[in-house]
Structure formats: C-alpha cells, structure tokens
Amino acid sequence: MDSKSCAYKLNDIFISRFKLVLEIINANDFLTSKTESELFELYNKMLDLDVHHYMTVTKCGFVISEIHL
C-alpha cells in the first residue's frame, strides 16, 4: 500500500470514529446556540479523542492525516 492509499484508508477509519461528532457539529442549529467558549470546549474534547494526533485544524479547513476535508 502506498502512502496516499494509506492516508485515504486512515481517513475512512477516522471519519467513521468521529461521524457522530461531525454530524452534531455540522448541524447549524447546534452551532448557533453555542457561545464561543462552548465551541472551544467542544473543539478541545474532539482533540482529546485524537490520541495519535492525526487530526489538525488549519485556516483553510479540517485535516486528517494528509486529506483536507
């Protein structure tokens, strides 16, 4: 398996692990009802789940491994 195939495989695994969290975050009514402090708290909890540090956030989007979402 080459590195790109491995990155896509890892992406599939992580997306499935965080699927419920992503669904909640992507719900507009959920985001609009939270304060900035609550959103940062949620962000920190998401990063706590990522014990292998695959997940990062950049100004241009959400990144898991080398795949930009």
PDB file of N, CA and C in Angstrom:
ATOM      1  N   MET A   1       0.860  -1.175   0.000  1.00  0.00           N
ATOM      2  CA  MET A   1       0.000   0.000   0.000  1.00  0.00           C
ATOM      3  C   MET A   1       0.904   1.234   0.000  1.00  0.00           C
ATOM      4  N   ASP A   2       0.645   2.148  -0.936  1.00  0.00           N
ATOM      5  CA  ASP A   2       1.444   3.370  -0.980  1.00  0.00           C
ATOM      6  C   ASP A   2       0.936   4.367   0.072  1.00  0.00           C
ATOM      7  N   SER A   3       1.657   5.465   0.270  1.00  0.00           N
ATOM      8  CA  SER A   3       1.328   6.407   1.339  1.00  0.00           C
ATOM      9  C   SER A   3      -0.020   7.089   1.111  1.00  0.00           C
ATOM     10  N   LYS A   4      -0.361   7.385  -0.152  1.00  0.00           N
ATOM     11  CA  LYS A   4      -1.642   8.035  -0.430  1.00  0.00           C
ATOM     12  C   LYS A   4      -2.802   7.092  -0.123  1.00  0.00           C
ATOM     13  N   SER A   5      -2.680   5.816  -0.509  1.00  0.00           N
ATOM     14  CA  SER A   5      -3.719   4.831  -0.204  1.00  0.00           C
ATOM     15  C   SER A   5      -3.873   4.651   1.302  1.00  0.00           C
ATOM     16  N   CYS A   6      -2.747   4.659   1.992  1.00  0.00           N
ATOM     17  CA  CYS A   6      -2.769   4.527   3.450  1.00  0.00           C
ATOM     18  C   CYS A   6      -3.476   5.730   4.081  1.00  0.00           C
ATOM     19  N   ALA A   7      -3.181   6.933   3.576  1.00  0.00           N
ATOM     20  CA  ALA A   7      -3.819   8.140   4.101  1.00  0.00           C
ATOM     21  C   ALA A   7      -5.331   8.092   3.899  1.00  0.00           C
ATOM     22  N   TYR A   8      -5.775   7.635   2.726  1.00  0.00           N
ATOM     23  CA  TYR A   8      -7.217   7.526   2.483  1.00  0.00           C
ATOM     24  C   TYR A   8      -7.853   6.465   3.378  1.00  0.00           C
ATOM     25  N   LYS A   9      -7.165   5.369   3.607  1.00  0.00           N
ATOM     26  CA  LYS A   9      -7.686   4.320   4.493  1.00  0.00           C
ATOM     27  C   LYS A   9      -7.823   4.851   5.918  1.00  0.00           C
ATOM     28  N   LEU A  10      -6.792   5.563   6.388  1.00  0.00           N
ATOM     29  CA  LEU A  10      -6.850   6.160   7.716  1.00  0.00           C
ATOM     30  C   LEU A  10      -7.978   7.180   7.803  1.00  0.00           C
ATOM     31  N   ASN A  11      -8.154   7.957   6.741  1.00  0.00           N
ATOM     32  CA  ASN A  11      -9.232   8.931   6.709  1.00  0.00           C
ATOM     33  C   ASN A  11     -10.582   8.252   6.900  1.00  0.00           C
ATOM     34  N   ASP A  12     -10.807   7.148   6.201  1.00  0.00           N
ATOM     35  CA  ASP A  12     -12.068   6.410   6.341  1.00  0.00           C
ATOM     36  C   ASP A  12     -12.281   5.940   7.776  1.00  0.00           C
ATOM     37  N   ILE A  13     -11.210   5.470   8.400  1.00  0.00           N
ATOM     38  CA  ILE A  13     -11.291   4.990   9.780  1.00  0.00           C
ATOM     39  C   ILE A  13     -11.636   6.132  10.729  1.00  0.00           C
ATOM     40  N   PHE A  14     -10.956   7.270  10.574  1.00  0.00           N
ATOM     41  CA  PHE A  14     -11.195   8.400  11.465  1.00  0.00           C
ATOM     42  C   PHE A  14     -12.561   9.023  11.245  1.00  0.00           C
ATOM     43  N   ILE A  15     -12.978   9.120   9.996  1.00  0.00           N
ATOM     44  CA  ILE A  15     -14.310   9.667   9.717  1.00  0.00           C
ATOM     45  C   ILE A  15     -15.373   8.807  10.388  1.00  0.00           C
ATOM     46  N   SER A  16     -15.211   7.490  10.335  1.00  0.00           N
ATOM     47  CA  SER A  16     -16.201   6.619  10.976  1.00  0.00           C
ATOM     48  C   SER A  16     -16.164   6.785  12.495  1.00  0.00           C
ATOM     49  N   ARG A  17     -14.979   7.000  13.056  1.00  0.00           N
ATOM     50  CA  ARG A  17     -14.864   7.161  14.509  1.00  0.00           C
ATOM     51  C   ARG A  17     -15.516   8.463  14.980  1.00  0.00           C
ATOM     52  N   PHE A  18     -15.355   9.526  14.199  1.00  0.00           N
ATOM     53  CA  PHE A  18     -15.853  10.835  14.597  1.00  0.00           C
ATOM     54  C   PHE A  18     -17.166  11.207  13.911  1.00  0.00           C
ATOM     55  N   LYS A  19     -17.811  10.253  13.251  1.00  0.00           N
ATOM     56  CA  LYS A  19     -19.008  10.541  12.460  1.00  0.00           C
ATOM     57  C   LYS A  19     -20.099  11.226  13.284  1.00  0.00           C
ATOM     58  N   LEU A  20     -20.422  10.706  14.437  1.00  0.00           N
ATOM     59  CA  LEU A  20     -21.483  11.302  15.254  1.00  0.00           C
ATOM     60  C   LEU A  20     -21.122  12.713  15.701  1.00  0.00           C
ATOM     61  N   VAL A  21     -19.866  12.923  16.048  1.00  0.00           N
ATOM     62  CA  VAL A  21     -19.418  14.255  16.457  1.00  0.00           C
ATOM     63  C   VAL A  21     -19.531  15.221  15.282  1.00  0.00           C
ATOM     64  N   LEU A  22     -19.093  14.786  14.091  1.00  0.00           N
ATOM     65  CA  LEU A  22     -19.161  15.643  12.915  1.00  0.00           C
ATOM     66  C   LEU A  22     -20.599  15.990  12.555  1.00  0.00           C
ATOM     67  N   GLU A  23     -21.515  15.044  12.710  1.00  0.00           N
ATOM     68  CA  GLU A  23     -22.925  15.314  12.418  1.00  0.00           C
ATOM     69  C   GLU A  23     -23.478  16.379  13.358  1.00  0.00           C
ATOM     70  N   ILE A  24     -23.104  16.322  14.608  1.00  0.00           N
ATOM     71  CA  ILE A  24     -23.564  17.314  15.580  1.00  0.00           C
ATOM     72  C   ILE A  24     -22.975  18.685  15.247  1.00  0.00           C
ATOM     73  N   ILE A  25     -21.697  18.715  14.957  1.00  0.00           N
ATOM     74  CA  ILE A  25     -21.022  19.983  14.662  1.00  0.00           C
ATOM     75  C   ILE A  25     -21.564  20.617  13.387  1.00  0.00           C
ATOM     76  N   ASN A  26     -21.874  19.809  12.399  1.00  0.00           N
ATOM     77  CA  ASN A  26     -22.359  20.336  11.127  1.00  0.00           C
ATOM     78  C   ASN A  26     -23.814  20.777  11.174  1.00  0.00           C
ATOM     79  N   ALA A  27     -24.504  20.515  12.248  1.00  0.00           N
ATOM     80  CA  ALA A  27     -25.896  20.952  12.388  1.00  0.00           C
ATOM     81  C   ALA A  27     -25.901  22.444  12.731  1.00  0.00           C
ATOM     82  N   ASN A  28     -26.474  23.246  11.874  1.00  0.00           N
ATOM     83  CA  ASN A  28     -26.466  24.701  12.067  1.00  0.00           C
ATOM     84  C   ASN A  28     -27.102  25.134  13.376  1.00  0.00           C
ATOM     85  N   ASP A  29     -28.193  24.500  13.756  1.00  0.00           N
ATOM     86  CA  ASP A  29     -28.860  24.897  14.992  1.00  0.00           C
ATOM     87  C   ASP A  29     -27.981  24.612  16.205  1.00  0.00           C
ATOM     88  N   PHE A  30     -27.168  23.577  16.121  1.00  0.00           N
ATOM     89  CA  PHE A  30     -26.249  23.269  17.222  1.00  0.00           C
ATOM     90  C   PHE A  30     -25.206  24.376  17.370  1.00  0.00           C
ATOM     91  N   LEU A  31     -24.626  24.803  16.274  1.00  0.00           N
ATOM     92  CA  LEU A  31     -23.570  25.812  16.322  1.00  0.00           C
ATOM     93  C   LEU A  31     -24.089  27.175  16.743  1.00  0.00           C
ATOM     94  N   THR A  32     -25.238  27.555  16.263  1.00  0.00           N
ATOM     95  CA  THR A  32     -25.742  28.894  16.575  1.00  0.00           C
ATOM     96  C   THR A  32     -26.178  29.036  18.027  1.00  0.00           C
ATOM     97  N   SER A  33     -26.465  27.943  18.682  1.00  0.00           N
ATOM     98  CA  SER A  33     -26.909  28.024  20.071  1.00  0.00           C
ATOM     99  C   SER A  33     -25.750  27.997  21.069  1.00  0.00           C
ATOM    100  N   LYS A  34     -24.516  27.846  20.583  1.00  0.00           N
ATOM    101  CA  LYS A  34     -23.358  27.758  21.472  1.00  0.00           C
ATOM    102  C   LYS A  34     -22.588  29.069  21.522  1.00  0.00           C
ATOM    103  N   THR A  35     -22.030  29.352  22.688  1.00  0.00           N
ATOM    104  CA  THR A  35     -21.143  30.506  22.816  1.00  0.00           C
ATOM    105  C   THR A  35     -19.767  30.128  22.272  1.00  0.00           C
ATOM    106  N   GLU A  36     -18.945  31.123  22.073  1.00  0.00           N
ATOM    107  CA  GLU A  36     -17.589  30.859  21.588  1.00  0.00           C
ATOM    108  C   GLU A  36     -16.836  29.968  22.574  1.00  0.00           C
ATOM    109  N   SER A  37     -17.006  30.187  23.853  1.00  0.00           N
ATOM    110  CA  SER A  37     -16.346  29.361  24.870  1.00  0.00           C
ATOM    111  C   SER A  37     -16.794  27.909  24.787  1.00  0.00           C
ATOM    112  N   GLU A  38     -18.080  27.697  24.570  1.00  0.00           N
ATOM    113  CA  GLU A  38     -18.607  26.334  24.447  1.00  0.00           C
ATOM    114  C   GLU A  38     -18.055  25.646  23.198  1.00  0.00           C
ATOM    115  N   LEU A  39     -17.919  26.400  22.110  1.00  0.00           N
ATOM    116  CA  LEU A  39     -17.368  25.817  20.886  1.00  0.00           C
ATOM    117  C   LEU A  39     -15.903  25.431  21.063  1.00  0.00           C
ATOM    118  N   PHE A  40     -15.127  26.271  21.747  1.00  0.00           N
ATOM    119  CA  PHE A  40     -13.738  25.920  22.012  1.00  0.00           C
ATOM    120  C   PHE A  40     -13.629  24.707  22.928  1.00  0.00           C
ATOM    121  N   GLU A  41     -14.538  24.602  23.886  1.00  0.00           N
ATOM    122  CA  GLU A  41     -14.562  23.433  24.767  1.00  0.00           C
ATOM    123  C   GLU A  41     -14.838  22.158  23.962  1.00  0.00           C
ATOM    124  N   LEU A  42     -15.786  22.239  23.046  1.00  0.00           N
ATOM    125  CA  LEU A  42     -16.088  21.103  22.173  1.00  0.00           C
ATOM    126  C   LEU A  42     -14.878  20.752  21.302  1.00  0.00           C
ATOM    127  N   TYR A  43     -14.251  21.757  20.737  1.00  0.00           N
ATOM    128  CA  TYR A  43     -13.045  21.559  19.933  1.00  0.00           C
ATOM    129  C   TYR A  43     -11.975  20.826  20.743  1.00  0.00           C
ATOM    130  N   ASN A  44     -11.756  21.255  21.969  1.00  0.00           N
ATOM    131  CA  ASN A  44     -10.760  20.601  22.821  1.00  0.00           C
ATOM    132  C   ASN A  44     -11.121  19.157  23.120  1.00  0.00           C
ATOM    133  N   LYS A  45     -12.409  18.878  23.319  1.00  0.00           N
ATOM    134  CA  LYS A  45     -12.848  17.498  23.556  1.00  0.00           C
ATOM    135  C   LYS A  45     -12.604  16.625  22.326  1.00  0.00           C
ATOM    136  N   MET A  46     -12.836  17.201  21.141  1.00  0.00           N
ATOM    137  CA  MET A  46     -12.564  16.449  19.913  1.00  0.00           C
ATOM    138  C   MET A  46     -11.081  16.106  19.808  1.00  0.00           C
ATOM    139  N   LEU A  47     -10.232  17.077  20.134  1.00  0.00           N
ATOM    140  CA  LEU A  47      -8.795  16.819  20.063  1.00  0.00           C
ATOM    141  C   LEU A  47      -8.361  15.805  21.118  1.00  0.00           C
ATOM    142  N   ASP A  48      -9.039  15.774  22.257  1.00  0.00           N
ATOM    143  CA  ASP A  48      -8.736  14.777  23.286  1.00  0.00           C
ATOM    144  C   ASP A  48      -8.978  13.356  22.775  1.00  0.00           C
ATOM    145  N   LEU A  49      -9.976  13.196  21.887  1.00  0.00           N
ATOM    146  CA  LEU A  49     -10.260  11.876  21.314  1.00  0.00           C
ATOM    147  C   LEU A  49      -9.163  11.413  20.359  1.00  0.00           C
ATOM    148  N   ASP A  50      -8.421  12.342  19.825  1.00  0.00           N
ATOM    149  CA  ASP A  50      -7.388  12.049  18.838  1.00  0.00           C
ATOM    150  C   ASP A  50      -6.048  11.793  19.541  1.00  0.00           C
ATOM    151  N   VAL A  51      -5.939  10.634  20.163  1.00  0.00           N
ATOM    152  CA  VAL A  51      -4.753  10.319  20.961  1.00  0.00           C
ATOM    153  C   VAL A  51      -3.483  10.142  20.128  1.00  0.00           C
ATOM    154  N   HIS A  52      -3.642   9.922  18.818  1.00  0.00           N
ATOM    155  CA  HIS A  52      -2.469   9.750  17.954  1.00  0.00           C
ATOM    156  C   HIS A  52      -2.130  11.010  17.171  1.00  0.00           C
ATOM    157  N   HIS A  53      -2.864  12.087  17.407  1.00  0.00           N
ATOM    158  CA  HIS A  53      -2.610  13.403  16.821  1.00  0.00           C
ATOM    159  C   HIS A  53      -2.639  13.404  15.295  1.00  0.00           C
ATOM    160  N   TYR A  54      -3.602  12.694  14.730  1.00  0.00           N
ATOM    161  CA  TYR A  54      -3.787  12.702  13.281  1.00  0.00           C
ATOM    162  C   TYR A  54      -4.602  13.911  12.840  1.00  0.00           C
ATOM    163  N   MET A  55      -5.421  14.415  13.723  1.00  0.00           N
ATOM    164  CA  MET A  55      -6.371  15.459  13.376  1.00  0.00           C
ATOM    165  C   MET A  55      -5.761  16.831  13.670  1.00  0.00           C
ATOM    166  N   THR A  56      -5.820  17.726  12.703  1.00  0.00           N
ATOM    167  CA  THR A  56      -5.384  19.101  12.918  1.00  0.00           C
ATOM    168  C   THR A  56      -6.396  20.031  12.265  1.00  0.00           C
ATOM    169  N   VAL A  57      -6.360  21.267  12.671  1.00  0.00           N
ATOM    170  CA  VAL A  57      -7.241  22.267  12.086  1.00  0.00           C
ATOM    171  C   VAL A  57      -6.380  23.386  11.543  1.00  0.00           C
ATOM    172  N   THR A  58      -6.681  23.823  10.329  1.00  0.00           N
ATOM    173  CA  THR A  58      -5.978  24.948   9.719  1.00  0.00           C
ATOM    174  C   THR A  58      -7.013  25.995   9.326  1.00  0.00           C
ATOM    175  N   LYS A  59      -6.554  27.170   8.914  1.00  0.00           N
ATOM    176  CA  LYS A  59      -7.475  28.211   8.490  1.00  0.00           C
ATOM    177  C   LYS A  59      -8.270  27.798   7.261  1.00  0.00           C
ATOM    178  N   CYS A  60      -7.714  26.901   6.449  1.00  0.00           N
ATOM    179  CA  CYS A  60      -8.406  26.514   5.216  1.00  0.00           C
ATOM    180  C   CYS A  60      -9.293  25.298   5.410  1.00  0.00           C
ATOM    181  N   GLY A  61      -9.299  24.664   6.567  1.00  0.00           N
ATOM    182  CA  GLY A  61     -10.182  23.532   6.766  1.00  0.00           C
ATOM    183  C   GLY A  61      -9.681  22.531   7.782  1.00  0.00           C
ATOM    184  N   PHE A  62     -10.396  21.454   7.860  1.00  0.00           N
ATOM    185  CA  PHE A  62     -10.128  20.367   8.801  1.00  0.00           C
ATOM    186  C   PHE A  62      -9.252  19.333   8.103  1.00  0.00           C
ATOM    187  N   VAL A  63      -8.191  18.877   8.758  1.00  0.00           N
ATOM    188  CA  VAL A  63      -7.248  17.955   8.130  1.00  0.00           C
ATOM    189  C   VAL A  63      -7.112  16.702   8.977  1.00  0.00           C
ATOM    190  N   ILE A  64      -7.254  15.552   8.318  1.00  0.00           N
ATOM    191  CA  ILE A  64      -6.953  14.284   8.953  1.00  0.00           C
ATOM    192  C   ILE A  64      -5.863  13.642   8.112  1.00  0.00           C
ATOM    193  N   SER A  65      -4.705  13.403   8.733  1.00  0.00           N
ATOM    194  CA  SER A  65      -3.546  12.902   8.017  1.00  0.00           C
ATOM    195  C   SER A  65      -3.219  13.912   6.928  1.00  0.00           C
ATOM    196  N   GLU A  66      -3.175  13.515   5.656  1.00  0.00           N
ATOM    197  CA  GLU A  66      -2.864  14.428   4.567  1.00  0.00           C
ATOM    198  C   GLU A  66      -4.099  14.832   3.787  1.00  0.00           C
ATOM    199  N   ILE A  67      -5.269  14.441   4.237  1.00  0.00           N
ATOM    200  CA  ILE A  67      -6.501  14.655   3.477  1.00  0.00           C
ATOM    201  C   ILE A  67      -7.245  15.856   4.059  1.00  0.00           C
ATOM    202  N   HIS A  68      -7.522  16.845   3.241  1.00  0.00           N
ATOM    203  CA  HIS A  68      -8.217  18.060   3.672  1.00  0.00           C
ATOM    204  C   HIS A  68      -9.707  17.884   3.449  1.00  0.00           C
ATOM    205  N   LEU A  69     -10.480  18.135   4.488  1.00  0.00           N
ATOM    206  CA  LEU A  69     -11.934  18.000   4.403  1.00  0.00           C
ATOM    207  C   LEU A  69     -12.582  19.372   4.302  1.00  0.00           C
TER     208      LEU A  69
END
